[in-house]
Amino acid sequence: MDLNELEVKFFKALAHPIRIKIVKKLLFGELCVCDLNDDIDFSQSNLSQHLKILKDARIVTSRKEGLKVHYSIENLEKIRKSFQLIEELIRETWDIKF
């Protein structure tokens, strides 16, 4: 894959409200699937599909501990800075105060 294709894969992985919510939750640290599923209104298998997309785009990584799978952001500081920059851009572009 070339750089453009990888960029498309990355942005497509983030182009869903549930996946944005997952990433924002993981910005605070590692969570198991059960914790990620707490306030998301669909099945664990559906959540797993979203996590797979994020993992395939190398946004999140996972590790297994016993029966639980824990997820975290692969490049936490860069993703955190990217989300902050995007939020600033949105506030400025739409003149929104949060």
C-alpha atoms as a PDB file:
ATOM      1  CA  MET A   1       0.000   0.000   0.000  1.00  0.00           C
ATOM      2  CA  ASP A   2       1.186   3.506  -0.702  1.00  0.00           C
ATOM      3  CA  LEU A   3       0.879   6.486   1.639  1.00  0.00           C
ATOM      4  CA  ASN A   4      -2.397   7.726   0.099  1.00  0.00           C
ATOM      5  CA  GLU A   5      -4.044   4.338   0.544  1.00  0.00           C
ATOM      6  CA  LEU A   6      -2.888   4.163   4.161  1.00  0.00           C
ATOM      7  CA  GLU A   7      -4.222   7.656   4.823  1.00  0.00           C
ATOM      8  CA  VAL A   8      -7.586   6.668   3.364  1.00  0.00           C
ATOM      9  CA  LYS A   9      -7.638   3.524   5.525  1.00  0.00           C
ATOM     10  CA  PHE A  10      -6.809   5.608   8.619  1.00  0.00           C
ATOM     11  CA  PHE A  11      -9.473   8.248   7.986  1.00  0.00           C
ATOM     12  CA  LYS A  12     -12.100   5.662   7.012  1.00  0.00           C
ATOM     13  CA  ALA A  13     -11.461   3.904  10.316  1.00  0.00           C
ATOM     14  CA  LEU A  14     -12.271   7.153  12.111  1.00  0.00           C
ATOM     15  CA  ALA A  15     -15.235   7.993   9.873  1.00  0.00           C
ATOM     16  CA  HIS A  16     -17.879   6.473  12.152  1.00  0.00           C
ATOM     17  CA  PRO A  17     -19.341   8.044  15.307  1.00  0.00           C
ATOM     18  CA  ILE A  18     -18.949   4.852  17.351  1.00  0.00           C
ATOM     19  CA  ARG A  19     -15.284   4.511  16.418  1.00  0.00           C
ATOM     20  CA  ILE A  20     -14.660   8.173  17.321  1.00  0.00           C
ATOM     21  CA  LYS A  21     -16.329   7.483  20.677  1.00  0.00           C
ATOM     22  CA  ILE A  22     -14.160   4.391  21.211  1.00  0.00           C
ATOM     23  CA  VAL A  23     -10.956   6.295  20.446  1.00  0.00           C
ATOM     24  CA  LYS A  24     -11.965   9.172  22.732  1.00  0.00           C
ATOM     25  CA  LYS A  25     -12.584   6.704  25.570  1.00  0.00           C
ATOM     26  CA  LEU A  26      -9.198   5.080  24.970  1.00  0.00           C
ATOM     27  CA  LEU A  27      -7.437   8.452  25.103  1.00  0.00           C
ATOM     28  CA  PHE A  28      -7.764   8.130  28.896  1.00  0.00           C
ATOM     29  CA  GLY A  29      -6.046   4.732  28.955  1.00  0.00           C
ATOM     30  CA  GLU A  30      -6.405   1.050  28.276  1.00  0.00           C
ATOM     31  CA  LEU A  31      -9.860  -0.524  28.588  1.00  0.00           C
ATOM     32  CA  CYS A  32     -11.238  -4.017  28.208  1.00  0.00           C
ATOM     33  CA  VAL A  33     -14.100  -4.707  25.807  1.00  0.00           C
ATOM     34  CA  CYS A  34     -16.522  -4.955  28.729  1.00  0.00           C
ATOM     35  CA  ASP A  35     -15.631  -1.391  29.811  1.00  0.00           C
ATOM     36  CA  LEU A  36     -15.866  -0.056  26.266  1.00  0.00           C
ATOM     37  CA  ASN A  37     -19.291  -1.653  25.905  1.00  0.00           C
ATOM     38  CA  ASP A  38     -20.694   0.047  29.048  1.00  0.00           C
ATOM     39  CA  ASP A  39     -22.370   3.020  27.368  1.00  0.00           C
ATOM     40  CA  ILE A  40     -22.578   1.879  23.761  1.00  0.00           C
ATOM     41  CA  ASP A  41     -26.009   0.700  22.690  1.00  0.00           C
ATOM     42  CA  PHE A  42     -25.244  -2.402  20.657  1.00  0.00           C
ATOM     43  CA  SER A  43     -23.871  -5.906  20.964  1.00  0.00           C
ATOM     44  CA  GLN A  44     -20.358  -6.855  21.959  1.00  0.00           C
ATOM     45  CA  SER A  45     -19.876  -8.518  18.576  1.00  0.00           C
ATOM     46  CA  ASN A  46     -20.721  -5.223  16.843  1.00  0.00           C
ATOM     47  CA  LEU A  47     -18.243  -3.434  19.114  1.00  0.00           C
ATOM     48  CA  SER A  48     -15.638  -6.052  18.211  1.00  0.00           C
ATOM     49  CA  GLN A  49     -16.176  -5.308  14.515  1.00  0.00           C
ATOM     50  CA  HIS A  50     -15.522  -1.605  15.135  1.00  0.00           C
ATOM     51  CA  LEU A  51     -12.428  -2.440  17.173  1.00  0.00           C
ATOM     52  CA  LYS A  52     -11.142  -4.667  14.365  1.00  0.00           C
ATOM     53  CA  ILE A  53     -11.418  -1.776  11.900  1.00  0.00           C
ATOM     54  CA  LEU A  54      -9.494   0.485  14.289  1.00  0.00           C
ATOM     55  CA  LYS A  55      -6.926  -2.245  14.864  1.00  0.00           C
ATOM     56  CA  ASP A  56      -6.496  -2.907  11.119  1.00  0.00           C
ATOM     57  CA  ALA A  57      -5.827   0.824  10.671  1.00  0.00           C
ATOM     58  CA  ARG A  58      -3.246   0.562  13.477  1.00  0.00           C
ATOM     59  CA  ILE A  59      -5.051   3.128  15.584  1.00  0.00           C
ATOM     60  CA  VAL A  60      -5.601   0.709  18.458  1.00  0.00           C
ATOM     61  CA  THR A  61      -3.720  -2.287  19.711  1.00  0.00           C
ATOM     62  CA  SER A  62      -4.884  -5.138  21.922  1.00  0.00           C
ATOM     63  CA  ARG A  63      -3.561  -7.585  24.434  1.00  0.00           C
ATOM     64  CA  LYS A  64      -5.221 -10.572  26.014  1.00  0.00           C
ATOM     65  CA  GLU A  65      -5.254 -11.050  29.762  1.00  0.00           C
ATOM     66  CA  GLY A  66      -7.009 -14.238  30.768  1.00  0.00           C
ATOM     67  CA  LEU A  67     -10.427 -14.176  29.134  1.00  0.00           C
ATOM     68  CA  LYS A  68     -10.438 -10.402  28.648  1.00  0.00           C
ATOM     69  CA  VAL A  69      -9.072  -8.427  25.720  1.00  0.00           C
ATOM     70  CA  HIS A  70      -7.714  -4.979  26.558  1.00  0.00           C
ATOM     71  CA  TYR A  71      -7.449  -2.196  23.983  1.00  0.00           C
ATOM     72  CA  SER A  72      -5.300   0.911  23.916  1.00  0.00           C
ATOM     73  CA  ILE A  73      -4.262   3.599  21.442  1.00  0.00           C
ATOM     74  CA  GLU A  74      -1.176   2.508  19.526  1.00  0.00           C
ATOM     75  CA  ASN A  75       0.408   5.986  19.269  1.00  0.00           C
ATOM     76  CA  LEU A  76      -1.390   7.633  22.154  1.00  0.00           C
ATOM     77  CA  GLU A  77       0.312  11.039  22.276  1.00  0.00           C
ATOM     78  CA  LYS A  78       0.143  11.596  18.515  1.00  0.00           C
ATOM     79  CA  ILE A  79      -3.510  10.529  18.359  1.00  0.00           C
ATOM     80  CA  ARG A  80      -4.306  12.717  21.392  1.00  0.00           C
ATOM     81  CA  LYS A  81      -2.605  15.725  19.744  1.00  0.00           C
ATOM     82  CA  SER A  82      -4.408  14.990  16.458  1.00  0.00           C
ATOM     83  CA  PHE A  83      -7.805  14.938  18.165  1.00  0.00           C
ATOM     84  CA  GLN A  84      -6.994  18.197  19.982  1.00  0.00           C
ATOM     85  CA  LEU A  85      -5.940  19.818  16.715  1.00  0.00           C
ATOM     86  CA  ILE A  86      -9.075  18.604  14.918  1.00  0.00           C
ATOM     87  CA  GLU A  87     -11.301  19.905  17.737  1.00  0.00           C
ATOM     88  CA  GLU A  88      -9.550  23.299  17.581  1.00  0.00           C
ATOM     89  CA  LEU A  89     -10.001  23.389  13.822  1.00  0.00           C
ATOM     90  CA  ILE A  90     -13.705  22.570  14.139  1.00  0.00           C
ATOM     91  CA  ARG A  91     -14.223  25.248  16.806  1.00  0.00           C
ATOM     92  CA  GLU A  92     -12.515  27.865  14.645  1.00  0.00           C
ATOM     93  CA  THR A  93     -14.138  26.793  11.387  1.00  0.00           C
ATOM     94  CA  TRP A  94     -17.672  26.715  12.767  1.00  0.00           C
ATOM     95  CA  ASP A  95     -17.082  29.375  15.435  1.00  0.00           C
ATOM     96  CA  ILE A  96     -18.286  26.972  18.137  1.00  0.00           C
ATOM     97  CA  LYS A  97     -17.710  27.475  21.840  1.00  0.00           C
ATOM     98  CA  PHE A  98     -17.566  24.308  23.970  1.00  0.00           C
END
